Amino acid sequence: MSDAITIVAGFGGSGGKILADFAGLLASDLHWRTEASRKVYMLLCDTDIEELGQAEARINAAFGGSAVMRPHLEVVKLSVGVGVIDQAIRNRWNRLDDVQKSRMSTKWWTRGDEVFTA
């Protein structure tokens, strides 16, 4: 039997839902139910602490609340200690010319002509 491990990362609300669904699949599989705690590592990152809590609760519930059976889970609260990112993003956005804003808006969330920050 292989000693390889699996590392799965979930970012944001959708990533948390995917990790929770994946945990449900692991818990329902006869082999992985017993191997998950040894071979699966999950990294869950989000700025929304409420969504982090919901995803973490779903992952734990998939394994009946047993920390012994569930995969290793590391939760990273990206918004903790960060209170100025909104202004930093807006300052950078306001320094862009129209061509740069147009190009950037294809890679970043925008609301009309305004940059979106969470």
Protein backbone atom coordinates (compact mmCIF):
# COMPACT_ATOMS: atom_id res chain seq x y z
CA MET A 1 0.00 0.00 0.00
CA SER A 2 1.30 3.45 -0.93
CA ASP A 3 2.37 5.96 1.69
CA ALA A 4 1.53 8.86 -0.64
CA ILE A 5 -0.59 11.64 0.79
CA THR A 6 -3.17 13.85 -0.86
CA ILE A 7 -3.29 17.60 -0.23
CA VAL A 8 -6.48 19.41 -1.24
CA ALA A 9 -6.92 23.18 -0.97
CA GLY A 10 -10.19 25.09 -1.01
CA PHE A 11 -10.40 28.86 -1.38
CA GLY A 12 -13.49 30.93 -0.72
CA GLY A 13 -17.06 29.80 -0.22
CA SER A 14 -17.06 27.51 -3.26
CA GLY A 15 -13.77 25.95 -2.22
CA GLY A 16 -15.17 25.26 1.25
CA LYS A 17 -18.25 23.60 -0.25
CA ILE A 18 -16.07 21.46 -2.51
CA LEU A 19 -13.88 20.35 0.42
CA ALA A 20 -16.98 19.51 2.46
CA ASP A 21 -18.44 17.48 -0.43
CA PHE A 22 -15.07 15.76 -0.90
CA ALA A 23 -15.01 14.91 2.82
CA GLY A 24 -18.46 13.37 2.40
CA LEU A 25 -17.19 11.20 -0.44
CA LEU A 26 -14.20 10.09 1.63
CA ALA A 27 -16.40 9.27 4.62
CA SER A 28 -18.77 7.18 2.49
CA ASP A 29 -15.97 5.11 0.91
CA LEU A 30 -15.05 1.96 2.88
CA HIS A 31 -11.32 2.31 2.15
CA TRP A 32 -10.93 6.08 2.52
CA ARG A 33 -13.06 6.31 5.65
CA THR A 34 -10.22 4.71 7.58
CA GLU A 35 -7.33 6.17 5.55
CA ALA A 36 -8.41 9.82 5.42
CA SER A 37 -6.89 10.74 8.78
CA ARG A 38 -3.50 9.38 7.69
CA LYS A 39 -3.36 10.35 4.04
CA VAL A 40 -5.53 13.38 3.34
CA TYR A 41 -4.67 16.95 4.25
CA MET A 42 -7.10 19.80 3.63
CA LEU A 43 -6.29 23.50 3.52
CA LEU A 44 -9.30 25.81 3.76
CA CYS A 45 -8.77 29.54 3.14
CA ASP A 46 -11.32 32.34 3.13
CA THR A 47 -11.86 35.94 4.17
CA ASP A 48 -15.38 35.15 5.41
CA ILE A 49 -15.09 33.64 8.89
CA GLU A 50 -18.73 32.52 8.85
CA GLU A 51 -18.22 30.53 5.64
CA LEU A 52 -15.05 29.00 7.09
CA GLY A 53 -17.01 27.85 10.13
CA GLN A 54 -19.78 26.37 7.99
CA ALA A 55 -17.34 24.44 5.80
CA GLU A 56 -15.36 23.21 8.80
CA ALA A 57 -18.57 22.03 10.48
CA ARG A 58 -19.66 20.15 7.33
CA ILE A 59 -16.24 18.48 7.03
CA ASN A 60 -16.38 17.40 10.68
CA ALA A 61 -20.00 16.22 10.32
CA ALA A 62 -19.07 14.04 7.34
CA PHE A 63 -16.96 11.96 9.70
CA GLY A 64 -19.53 11.96 12.51
CA GLY A 65 -17.64 14.68 14.34
CA SER A 66 -14.69 12.33 14.87
CA ALA A 67 -11.41 14.23 14.72
CA VAL A 68 -9.67 10.85 14.81
CA MET A 69 -11.19 9.75 11.50
CA ARG A 70 -11.42 13.00 9.53
CA PRO A 71 -8.64 14.33 7.31
CA HIS A 72 -6.16 16.80 8.72
CA LEU A 73 -7.73 20.23 8.33
CA GLU A 74 -5.93 23.55 8.44
CA VAL A 75 -8.17 26.63 8.41
CA VAL A 76 -6.65 29.95 7.35
CA LYS A 77 -8.63 33.09 8.14
CA LEU A 78 -7.30 35.45 5.50
CA SER A 79 -9.08 38.51 6.86
CA VAL A 80 -7.80 38.29 10.42
CA GLY A 81 -5.48 41.19 11.14
CA VAL A 82 -6.07 42.76 7.74
CA GLY A 83 -8.04 45.95 7.93
CA VAL A 84 -6.51 48.05 5.19
CA ILE A 85 -6.62 45.86 2.08
CA ASP A 86 -9.72 47.63 0.77
CA GLN A 87 -7.98 51.00 0.65
CA ALA A 88 -4.78 49.51 -0.75
CA ILE A 89 -6.69 47.95 -3.65
CA ARG A 90 -8.63 51.15 -4.33
CA ASN A 91 -5.44 53.24 -4.27
CA ARG A 92 -3.79 50.95 -6.79
CA TRP A 93 -6.91 50.89 -8.99
CA ASN A 94 -7.12 54.68 -9.01
CA ARG A 95 -3.53 54.96 -10.30
CA LEU A 96 -4.31 52.87 -13.41
CA ASP A 97 -5.06 54.54 -16.73
CA ASP A 98 -8.13 53.53 -18.76
CA VAL A 99 -6.27 50.89 -20.80
CA GLN A 100 -4.84 49.30 -17.66
CA LYS A 101 -8.23 49.36 -15.93
CA SER A 102 -9.82 47.68 -18.93
CA ARG A 103 -7.18 44.93 -18.94
CA MET A 104 -7.29 44.52 -15.16
CA SER A 105 -11.09 44.30 -15.11
CA THR A 106 -10.85 41.02 -17.06
CA LYS A 107 -8.79 39.56 -14.18
CA TRP A 108 -10.36 41.25 -11.16
CA TRP A 109 -13.92 41.66 -9.93
CA THR A 110 -15.49 44.95 -10.83
CA ARG A 111 -18.86 46.60 -10.40
CA GLY A 112 -19.24 48.89 -13.37
CA ASP A 113 -16.26 51.24 -13.29
CA GLU A 114 -15.48 50.51 -9.64
CA VAL A 115 -13.08 47.86 -8.36
CA PHE A 116 -14.69 45.32 -6.06
CA THR A 117 -13.09 44.52 -2.72
CA ALA A 118 -14.35 42.08 -0.14
